[in-house]
Amino acid sequence: MQRSVLYNLGFATAVCIVCAVVVSGAAVVLQSRQQANAALDKQKNVLVAAGLAKDGEDLSRDEISARFEPIEPVLIDLETGEEVEGGDPASFDQRKATSAAATSDPAPPNAALVQRVPHRALIYRMRKEAGGVDLYILPVEGKGLWSTLYGFVALDADLTTVRGITFYEHKETPGLGGEVDNPRWKALWPGRKLFDESGEPAISVVKGRAGPAQEDPHHVDGLSGATMTSRGVTNLLHFWLGESGFGPFLERVRANRKEA
């Protein structure tokens, strides 16, 4: 039976509306699960940077939670380097804070092409059983070739030696800049020194090969065929370890240790 044009348009519109409602409903229902999975993935990457989990290790939710127990999330004020009293690290969304004008400021011109810096940042620290802090895990981000790289760098208690590094989100070219995910490349980082003797960021991803950490502490092998991504890793580390990033926090920790 032949239908009128009006009938066909009405039917198509009804189908579109039903589909839109179904898709929207599914998105709402799954949103909390997606957020929980994203938080769990971030915790796993913190563990990898801290050396408490291996790359590619298959961990259940309970195993991740158990290994994460000695790690404490802490909110800090980036300008002063002080811990934020009364803040709730569990509900803090650093990306949302970075994108909002009320909770962030324009970044000064920088090679990492960071556009805005949040007033507060979420870091992690792991305490020793006997007291004191064993390491700090700092979030870092910056432009590679095609994308913004998001990751973590873990610092030993001396605040200069790398315990580990990992990138959990980027869109760099697989096999080239995407090798920031390669466990073999990340294994080159532990033992490297982030700062020189004057306290300035000195770590650098060089073109070609670097020496062993004991002999060439401030350099890491470049990513073959990925000069821009390699340079991006250097730039983002220098930015976040400097005065516009976690520099004031690290200086405050060093000063408190001298006073103790």
C-alpha atoms as a PDB file:
ATOM      1  CA  MET A   1       0.000   0.000   0.000  1.00  0.00           C
ATOM      2  CA  GLN A   2       1.393   3.375  -0.981  1.00  0.00           C
ATOM      3  CA  ARG A   3       1.882   5.819   1.863  1.00  0.00           C
ATOM      4  CA  SER A   4       1.734   9.589   1.646  1.00  0.00           C
ATOM      5  CA  VAL A   5       4.867  11.705   1.886  1.00  0.00           C
ATOM      6  CA  LEU A   6       3.595  13.166   5.132  1.00  0.00           C
ATOM      7  CA  TYR A   7       3.150   9.686   6.609  1.00  0.00           C
ATOM      8  CA  ASN A   8       6.690   8.659   5.606  1.00  0.00           C
ATOM      9  CA  LEU A   9       8.184  11.807   7.092  1.00  0.00           C
ATOM     10  CA  GLY A  10       6.223  11.311  10.304  1.00  0.00           C
ATOM     11  CA  PHE A  11       7.272   7.666  10.590  1.00  0.00           C
ATOM     12  CA  ALA A  12      10.949   8.507   9.972  1.00  0.00           C
ATOM     13  CA  THR A  13      10.790  11.283  12.561  1.00  0.00           C
ATOM     14  CA  ALA A  14       9.236   8.945  15.140  1.00  0.00           C
ATOM     15  CA  VAL A  15      11.964   6.327  14.537  1.00  0.00           C
ATOM     16  CA  CYS A  16      14.672   8.993  14.951  1.00  0.00           C
ATOM     17  CA  ILE A  17      13.131  10.214  18.198  1.00  0.00           C
ATOM     18  CA  VAL A  18      12.875   6.683  19.626  1.00  0.00           C
ATOM     19  CA  CYS A  19      16.482   5.926  18.673  1.00  0.00           C
ATOM     20  CA  ALA A  20      17.671   9.202  20.191  1.00  0.00           C
ATOM     21  CA  VAL A  21      15.857   8.456  23.438  1.00  0.00           C
ATOM     22  CA  VAL A  22      17.339   4.932  23.578  1.00  0.00           C
ATOM     23  CA  VAL A  23      20.895   6.168  22.893  1.00  0.00           C
ATOM     24  CA  SER A  24      20.590   9.036  25.375  1.00  0.00           C
ATOM     25  CA  GLY A  25      19.188   6.730  28.017  1.00  0.00           C
ATOM     26  CA  ALA A  26      22.000   4.242  27.512  1.00  0.00           C
ATOM     27  CA  ALA A  27      24.572   7.045  27.797  1.00  0.00           C
ATOM     28  CA  VAL A  28      23.072   8.232  31.083  1.00  0.00           C
ATOM     29  CA  VAL A  29      22.871   4.712  32.499  1.00  0.00           C
ATOM     30  CA  LEU A  30      26.460   3.894  31.501  1.00  0.00           C
ATOM     31  CA  GLN A  31      27.971   7.243  32.477  1.00  0.00           C
ATOM     32  CA  SER A  32      28.699   6.323  36.070  1.00  0.00           C
ATOM     33  CA  ARG A  33      30.255   3.024  34.986  1.00  0.00           C
ATOM     34  CA  GLN A  34      32.425   4.789  32.420  1.00  0.00           C
ATOM     35  CA  GLN A  35      33.575   7.304  35.012  1.00  0.00           C
ATOM     36  CA  ALA A  36      34.400   4.495  37.445  1.00  0.00           C
ATOM     37  CA  ASN A  37      36.391   2.656  34.764  1.00  0.00           C
ATOM     38  CA  ALA A  38      38.277   5.852  33.878  1.00  0.00           C
ATOM     39  CA  ALA A  39      39.150   6.419  37.547  1.00  0.00           C
ATOM     40  CA  LEU A  40      40.308   2.815  37.869  1.00  0.00           C
ATOM     41  CA  ASP A  41      42.476   3.124  34.752  1.00  0.00           C
ATOM     42  CA  LYS A  42      44.058   6.277  36.151  1.00  0.00           C
ATOM     43  CA  GLN A  43      44.812   4.477  39.424  1.00  0.00           C
ATOM     44  CA  LYS A  44      46.450   1.652  37.488  1.00  0.00           C
ATOM     45  CA  ASN A  45      48.660   4.140  35.634  1.00  0.00           C
ATOM     46  CA  VAL A  46      49.659   5.737  38.923  1.00  0.00           C
ATOM     47  CA  LEU A  47      50.691   2.268  40.108  1.00  0.00           C
ATOM     48  CA  VAL A  48      52.723   1.704  36.930  1.00  0.00           C
ATOM     49  CA  ALA A  49      54.538   5.029  37.348  1.00  0.00           C
ATOM     50  CA  ALA A  50      55.232   4.187  41.002  1.00  0.00           C
ATOM     51  CA  GLY A  51      56.607   0.753  40.111  1.00  0.00           C
ATOM     52  CA  LEU A  52      53.794  -1.020  41.951  1.00  0.00           C
ATOM     53  CA  ALA A  53      52.387  -2.598  38.781  1.00  0.00           C
ATOM     54  CA  LYS A  54      53.884  -3.760  35.515  1.00  0.00           C
ATOM     55  CA  ASP A  55      52.897  -2.539  32.079  1.00  0.00           C
ATOM     56  CA  GLY A  56      50.180  -4.751  30.660  1.00  0.00           C
ATOM     57  CA  GLU A  57      49.638  -6.563  33.956  1.00  0.00           C
ATOM     58  CA  ASP A  58      46.084  -7.858  34.185  1.00  0.00           C
ATOM     59  CA  LEU A  59      44.757  -6.584  37.500  1.00  0.00           C
ATOM     60  CA  SER A  60      41.260  -6.918  38.877  1.00  0.00           C
ATOM     61  CA  ARG A  61      39.464  -4.000  40.485  1.00  0.00           C
ATOM     62  CA  ASP A  62      40.189  -5.453  43.937  1.00  0.00           C
ATOM     63  CA  GLU A  63      43.893  -5.931  43.147  1.00  0.00           C
ATOM     64  CA  ILE A  64      44.223  -2.339  41.973  1.00  0.00           C
ATOM     65  CA  SER A  65      42.482  -1.089  45.114  1.00  0.00           C
ATOM     66  CA  ALA A  66      44.734  -3.215  47.339  1.00  0.00           C
ATOM     67  CA  ARG A  67      47.952  -2.003  45.718  1.00  0.00           C
ATOM     68  CA  PHE A  68      46.710   1.567  45.821  1.00  0.00           C
ATOM     69  CA  GLU A  69      46.220   1.508  49.598  1.00  0.00           C
ATOM     70  CA  PRO A  70      49.622   3.036  50.526  1.00  0.00           C
ATOM     71  CA  ILE A  71      49.115   5.838  47.989  1.00  0.00           C
ATOM     72  CA  GLU A  72      47.492   9.024  49.208  1.00  0.00           C
ATOM     73  CA  PRO A  73      45.877  11.559  46.825  1.00  0.00           C
ATOM     74  CA  VAL A  74      46.594  15.136  47.836  1.00  0.00           C
ATOM     75  CA  LEU A  75      45.226  18.440  46.537  1.00  0.00           C
ATOM     76  CA  ILE A  76      47.789  21.231  46.317  1.00  0.00           C
ATOM     77  CA  ASP A  77      47.679  24.910  45.449  1.00  0.00           C
ATOM     78  CA  LEU A  78      50.009  25.277  42.467  1.00  0.00           C
ATOM     79  CA  GLU A  79      50.836  28.925  43.124  1.00  0.00           C
ATOM     80  CA  THR A  80      51.881  28.507  46.762  1.00  0.00           C
ATOM     81  CA  GLY A  81      52.809  24.829  46.763  1.00  0.00           C
ATOM     82  CA  GLU A  82      50.725  24.302  49.910  1.00  0.00           C
ATOM     83  CA  GLU A  83      48.358  21.423  50.531  1.00  0.00           C
ATOM     84  CA  VAL A  84      44.707  22.444  50.278  1.00  0.00           C
ATOM     85  CA  GLU A  85      42.970  22.059  53.610  1.00  0.00           C
ATOM     86  CA  GLY A  86      39.465  20.630  53.466  1.00  0.00           C
ATOM     87  CA  GLY A  87      39.646  19.730  49.781  1.00  0.00           C
ATOM     88  CA  ASP A  88      38.147  16.501  48.480  1.00  0.00           C
ATOM     89  CA  PRO A  89      40.650  14.739  46.188  1.00  0.00           C
ATOM     90  CA  ALA A  90      38.130  11.993  45.386  1.00  0.00           C
ATOM     91  CA  SER A  91      35.759  14.392  43.642  1.00  0.00           C
ATOM     92  CA  PHE A  92      38.354  16.707  42.094  1.00  0.00           C
ATOM     93  CA  ASP A  93      38.372  16.794  38.280  1.00  0.00           C
ATOM     94  CA  GLN A  94      41.599  18.467  37.210  1.00  0.00           C
ATOM     95  CA  ARG A  95      40.685  18.681  33.527  1.00  0.00           C
ATOM     96  CA  LYS A  96      37.401  20.376  34.350  1.00  0.00           C
ATOM     97  CA  ALA A  97      39.256  22.756  36.671  1.00  0.00           C
ATOM     98  CA  THR A  98      41.768  23.512  33.918  1.00  0.00           C
ATOM     99  CA  SER A  99      39.100  24.352  31.353  1.00  0.00           C
ATOM    100  CA  ALA A 100      37.092  26.682  33.612  1.00  0.00           C
ATOM    101  CA  ALA A 101      38.136  30.340  33.822  1.00  0.00           C
ATOM    102  CA  ALA A 102      37.126  30.519  37.503  1.00  0.00           C
ATOM    103  CA  THR A 103      39.472  27.705  38.542  1.00  0.00           C
ATOM    104  CA  SER A 104      42.438  28.237  36.227  1.00  0.00           C
ATOM    105  CA  ASP A 105      44.671  30.915  34.710  1.00  0.00           C
ATOM    106  CA  PRO A 106      46.216  31.318  31.256  1.00  0.00           C
ATOM    107  CA  ALA A 107      49.618  29.654  31.152  1.00  0.00           C
ATOM    108  CA  PRO A 108      52.637  31.801  30.306  1.00  0.00           C
ATOM    109  CA  PRO A 109      54.128  31.143  26.841  1.00  0.00           C
ATOM    110  CA  ASN A 110      55.708  27.714  26.954  1.00  0.00           C
ATOM    111  CA  ALA A 111      57.212  25.122  24.632  1.00  0.00           C
ATOM    112  CA  ALA A 112      54.814  22.430  25.892  1.00  0.00           C
ATOM    113  CA  LEU A 113      51.917  24.512  24.524  1.00  0.00           C
ATOM    114  CA  VAL A 114      50.008  24.228  27.792  1.00  0.00           C
ATOM    115  CA  GLN A 115      47.159  26.732  27.473  1.00  0.00           C
ATOM    116  CA  ARG A 116      45.793  26.969  31.019  1.00  0.00           C
ATOM    117  CA  VAL A 117      47.010  25.999  34.479  1.00  0.00           C
ATOM    118  CA  PRO A 118      44.528  25.031  37.215  1.00  0.00           C
ATOM    119  CA  HIS A 119      44.680  26.751  40.584  1.00  0.00           C
ATOM    120  CA  ARG A 120      44.769  23.333  42.214  1.00  0.00           C
ATOM    121  CA  ALA A 121      46.297  20.032  41.154  1.00  0.00           C
ATOM    122  CA  LEU A 122      45.889  16.455  42.325  1.00  0.00           C
ATOM    123  CA  ILE A 123      49.124  14.663  43.140  1.00  0.00           C
ATOM    124  CA  TYR A 124      49.846  11.359  44.865  1.00  0.00           C
ATOM    125  CA  ARG A 125      52.345  10.384  47.516  1.00  0.00           C
ATOM    126  CA  MET A 126      53.313   7.046  48.978  1.00  0.00           C
ATOM    127  CA  ARG A 127      54.396   6.880  52.585  1.00  0.00           C
ATOM    128  CA  LYS A 128      56.953   4.519  54.052  1.00  0.00           C
ATOM    129  CA  GLU A 129      55.834   2.074  56.727  1.00  0.00           C
ATOM    130  CA  ALA A 130      58.364   3.634  59.115  1.00  0.00           C
ATOM    131  CA  GLY A 131      57.149   7.154  58.363  1.00  0.00           C
ATOM    132  CA  GLY A 132      58.095   9.774  55.832  1.00  0.00           C
ATOM    133  CA  VAL A 133      57.347   9.844  52.114  1.00  0.00           C
ATOM    134  CA  ASP A 134      58.809   7.272  49.753  1.00  0.00           C
ATOM    135  CA  LEU A 135      57.805   8.941  46.483  1.00  0.00           C
ATOM    136  CA  TYR A 136      55.578  11.505  44.806  1.00  0.00           C
ATOM    137  CA  ILE A 137      53.569  10.956  41.615  1.00  0.00           C
ATOM    138  CA  LEU A 138      52.829  14.094  39.603  1.00  0.00           C
ATOM    139  CA  PRO A 139      50.400  14.457  36.687  1.00  0.00           C
ATOM    140  CA  VAL A 140      51.909  15.936  33.508  1.00  0.00           C
ATOM    141  CA  GLU A 141      50.519  16.959  30.144  1.00  0.00           C
ATOM    142  CA  GLY A 142      51.626  18.733  27.005  1.00  0.00           C
ATOM    143  CA  LYS A 143      51.575  18.671  23.227  1.00  0.00           C
ATOM    144  CA  GLY A 144      53.289  15.984  21.207  1.00  0.00           C
ATOM    145  CA  LEU A 145      53.011  15.953  17.415  1.00  0.00           C
ATOM    146  CA  TRP A 146      49.288  15.275  16.960  1.00  0.00           C
ATOM    147  CA  SER A 147      47.817  15.385  20.408  1.00  0.00           C
ATOM    148  CA  THR A 148      48.075  16.272  24.057  1.00  0.00           C
ATOM    149  CA  LEU A 149      49.885  13.611  26.058  1.00  0.00           C
ATOM    150  CA  TYR A 150      48.552  12.935  29.555  1.00  0.00           C
ATOM    151  CA  GLY A 151      50.646  10.957  32.008  1.00  0.00           C
ATOM    152  CA  PHE A 152      52.373  10.642  35.364  1.00  0.00           C
ATOM    153  CA  VAL A 153      55.970  10.906  36.481  1.00  0.00           C
ATOM    154  CA  ALA A 154      57.037   9.407  39.819  1.00  0.00           C
ATOM    155  CA  LEU A 155      59.830  11.009  41.844  1.00  0.00           C
ATOM    156  CA  ASP A 156      61.819   9.257  44.540  1.00  0.00           C
ATOM    157  CA  ALA A 157      61.974  10.781  48.005  1.00  0.00           C
ATOM    158  CA  ASP A 158      64.976  12.899  46.924  1.00  0.00           C
ATOM    159  CA  LEU A 159      62.574  14.772  44.583  1.00  0.00           C
ATOM    160  CA  THR A 160      64.909  14.459  41.602  1.00  0.00           C
ATOM    161  CA  THR A 161      65.342  10.769  40.759  1.00  0.00           C
ATOM    162  CA  VAL A 162      62.766   9.227  38.433  1.00  0.00           C
ATOM    163  CA  ARG A 163      61.010   6.151  39.770  1.00  0.00           C
ATOM    164  CA  GLY A 164      58.898   5.729  36.638  1.00  0.00           C
ATOM    165  CA  ILE A 165      56.866   7.440  33.923  1.00  0.00           C
ATOM    166  CA  THR A 166      53.734   6.526  31.994  1.00  0.00           C
ATOM    167  CA  PHE A 167      51.345   8.133  29.511  1.00  0.00           C
ATOM    168  CA  TYR A 168      47.743   6.991  29.690  1.00  0.00           C
ATOM    169  CA  GLU A 169      46.148   9.084  26.952  1.00  0.00           C
ATOM    170  CA  HIS A 170      47.379  10.471  23.623  1.00  0.00           C
ATOM    171  CA  LYS A 171      46.817  10.218  19.872  1.00  0.00           C
ATOM    172  CA  GLU A 172      50.397  10.002  18.656  1.00  0.00           C
ATOM    173  CA  THR A 173      51.281   7.885  15.613  1.00  0.00           C
ATOM    174  CA  PRO A 174      51.408   4.146  16.416  1.00  0.00           C
ATOM    175  CA  GLY A 175      54.940   2.802  16.013  1.00  0.00           C
ATOM    176  CA  LEU A 176      56.444   6.296  16.143  1.00  0.00           C
ATOM    177  CA  GLY A 177      55.338   8.826  18.762  1.00  0.00           C
ATOM    178  CA  GLY A 178      52.996   6.162  20.103  1.00  0.00           C
ATOM    179  CA  GLU A 179      56.094   4.394  21.418  1.00  0.00           C
ATOM    180  CA  VAL A 180      55.743   6.488  24.569  1.00  0.00           C
ATOM    181  CA  ASP A 181      53.619   3.477  25.573  1.00  0.00           C
ATOM    182  CA  ASN A 182      56.410   0.980  24.890  1.00  0.00           C
ATOM    183  CA  PRO A 183      57.514  -0.705  28.141  1.00  0.00           C
ATOM    184  CA  ARG A 184      61.081  -0.932  26.809  1.00  0.00           C
ATOM    185  CA  TRP A 185      61.270   2.851  26.407  1.00  0.00           C
ATOM    186  CA  LYS A 186      59.648   3.528  29.768  1.00  0.00           C
ATOM    187  CA  ALA A 187      62.154   1.145  31.377  1.00  0.00           C
ATOM    188  CA  LEU A 188      64.920   3.602  30.416  1.00  0.00           C
ATOM    189  CA  TRP A 189      63.583   6.254  32.818  1.00  0.00           C
ATOM    190  CA  PRO A 190      64.070   4.887  36.375  1.00  0.00           C
ATOM    191  CA  GLY A 191      67.226   6.309  37.903  1.00  0.00           C
ATOM    192  CA  ARG A 192      67.380   9.371  35.626  1.00  0.00           C
ATOM    193  CA  LYS A 193      67.697  12.794  37.261  1.00  0.00           C
ATOM    194  CA  LEU A 194      65.054  15.422  36.588  1.00  0.00           C
ATOM    195  CA  PHE A 195      67.023  18.407  37.915  1.00  0.00           C
ATOM    196  CA  ASP A 196      70.589  19.644  37.658  1.00  0.00           C
ATOM    197  CA  GLU A 197      72.706  20.699  40.642  1.00  0.00           C
ATOM    198  CA  SER A 198      71.149  24.170  40.651  1.00  0.00           C
ATOM    199  CA  GLY A 199      67.647  22.722  40.882  1.00  0.00           C
ATOM    200  CA  GLU A 200      66.603  23.556  37.326  1.00  0.00           C
ATOM    201  CA  PRO A 201      64.751  20.963  35.196  1.00  0.00           C
ATOM    202  CA  ALA A 202      67.429  19.214  33.160  1.00  0.00           C
ATOM    203  CA  ILE A 203      65.898  15.963  31.928  1.00  0.00           C
ATOM    204  CA  SER A 204      65.824  15.672  28.144  1.00  0.00           C
ATOM    205  CA  VAL A 205      64.755  13.106  25.560  1.00  0.00           C
ATOM    206  CA  VAL A 206      67.634  13.264  23.091  1.00  0.00           C
ATOM    207  CA  LYS A 207      67.918  12.366  19.438  1.00  0.00           C
ATOM    208  CA  GLY A 208      69.478   8.912  19.243  1.00  0.00           C
ATOM    209  CA  ARG A 209      70.762   6.994  22.234  1.00  0.00           C
ATOM    210  CA  ALA A 210      71.625   8.217  25.709  1.00  0.00           C
ATOM    211  CA  GLY A 211      74.045   6.530  28.052  1.00  0.00           C
ATOM    212  CA  PRO A 212      73.139   4.489  31.150  1.00  0.00           C
ATOM    213  CA  ALA A 213      71.434   6.362  33.962  1.00  0.00           C
ATOM    214  CA  GLN A 214      74.565   6.266  36.132  1.00  0.00           C
ATOM    215  CA  GLU A 215      76.714   7.854  33.416  1.00  0.00           C
ATOM    216  CA  ASP A 216      74.182  10.062  31.605  1.00  0.00           C
ATOM    217  CA  PRO A 217      71.535  10.853  34.225  1.00  0.00           C
ATOM    218  CA  HIS A 218      69.803  13.772  32.482  1.00  0.00           C
ATOM    219  CA  HIS A 219      69.202  12.156  29.074  1.00  0.00           C
ATOM    220  CA  VAL A 220      66.828   9.468  27.752  1.00  0.00           C
ATOM    221  CA  ASP A 221      66.850   7.746  24.350  1.00  0.00           C
ATOM    222  CA  GLY A 222      64.781   9.517  21.708  1.00  0.00           C
ATOM    223  CA  LEU A 223      61.830   7.836  20.025  1.00  0.00           C
ATOM    224  CA  SER A 224      62.944   6.682  16.580  1.00  0.00           C
ATOM    225  CA  GLY A 225      61.212   8.691  13.835  1.00  0.00           C
ATOM    226  CA  ALA A 226      59.306  10.782  16.390  1.00  0.00           C
ATOM    227  CA  THR A 227      61.372  13.898  16.970  1.00  0.00           C
ATOM    228  CA  MET A 228      58.370  16.104  17.729  1.00  0.00           C
ATOM    229  CA  THR A 229      56.890  13.680  20.270  1.00  0.00           C
ATOM    230  CA  SER A 230      60.299  13.243  21.928  1.00  0.00           C
ATOM    231  CA  ARG A 231      60.673  17.008  22.132  1.00  0.00           C
ATOM    232  CA  GLY A 232      57.133  17.248  23.481  1.00  0.00           C
ATOM    233  CA  VAL A 233      57.954  14.900  26.372  1.00  0.00           C
ATOM    234  CA  THR A 234      60.965  17.045  27.260  1.00  0.00           C
ATOM    235  CA  ASN A 235      58.927  20.234  27.049  1.00  0.00           C
ATOM    236  CA  LEU A 236      56.018  19.021  29.172  1.00  0.00           C
ATOM    237  CA  LEU A 237      58.331  17.761  31.901  1.00  0.00           C
ATOM    238  CA  HIS A 238      60.228  21.049  31.995  1.00  0.00           C
ATOM    239  CA  PHE A 239      56.961  22.973  32.223  1.00  0.00           C
ATOM    240  CA  TRP A 240      55.372  20.955  35.033  1.00  0.00           C
ATOM    241  CA  LEU A 241      58.604  20.660  37.007  1.00  0.00           C
ATOM    242  CA  GLY A 242      59.164  24.414  36.727  1.00  0.00           C
ATOM    243  CA  GLU A 243      57.757  27.461  38.494  1.00  0.00           C
ATOM    244  CA  SER A 244      54.479  27.462  36.528  1.00  0.00           C
ATOM    245  CA  GLY A 245      53.799  23.863  37.526  1.00  0.00           C
ATOM    246  CA  PHE A 246      54.942  21.900  40.566  1.00  0.00           C
ATOM    247  CA  GLY A 247      58.079  23.946  41.223  1.00  0.00           C
ATOM    248  CA  PRO A 248      56.590  25.821  44.229  1.00  0.00           C
ATOM    249  CA  PHE A 249      55.329  22.555  45.739  1.00  0.00           C
ATOM    250  CA  LEU A 250      58.704  20.830  45.363  1.00  0.00           C
ATOM    251  CA  GLU A 251      60.496  23.861  46.827  1.00  0.00           C
ATOM    252  CA  ARG A 252      58.147  23.852  49.816  1.00  0.00           C
ATOM    253  CA  VAL A 253      58.796  20.144  50.454  1.00  0.00           C
ATOM    254  CA  ARG A 254      62.566  20.735  50.277  1.00  0.00           C
ATOM    255  CA  ALA A 255      62.316  23.717  52.631  1.00  0.00           C
ATOM    256  CA  ASN A 256      60.231  21.769  55.159  1.00  0.00           C
ATOM    257  CA  ARG A 257      62.819  19.003  55.179  1.00  0.00           C
ATOM    258  CA  LYS A 258      65.609  21.466  55.948  1.00  0.00           C
ATOM    259  CA  GLU A 259      63.630  22.866  58.857  1.00  0.00           C
ATOM    260  CA  ALA A 260      62.807  19.428  60.283  1.00  0.00           C
END
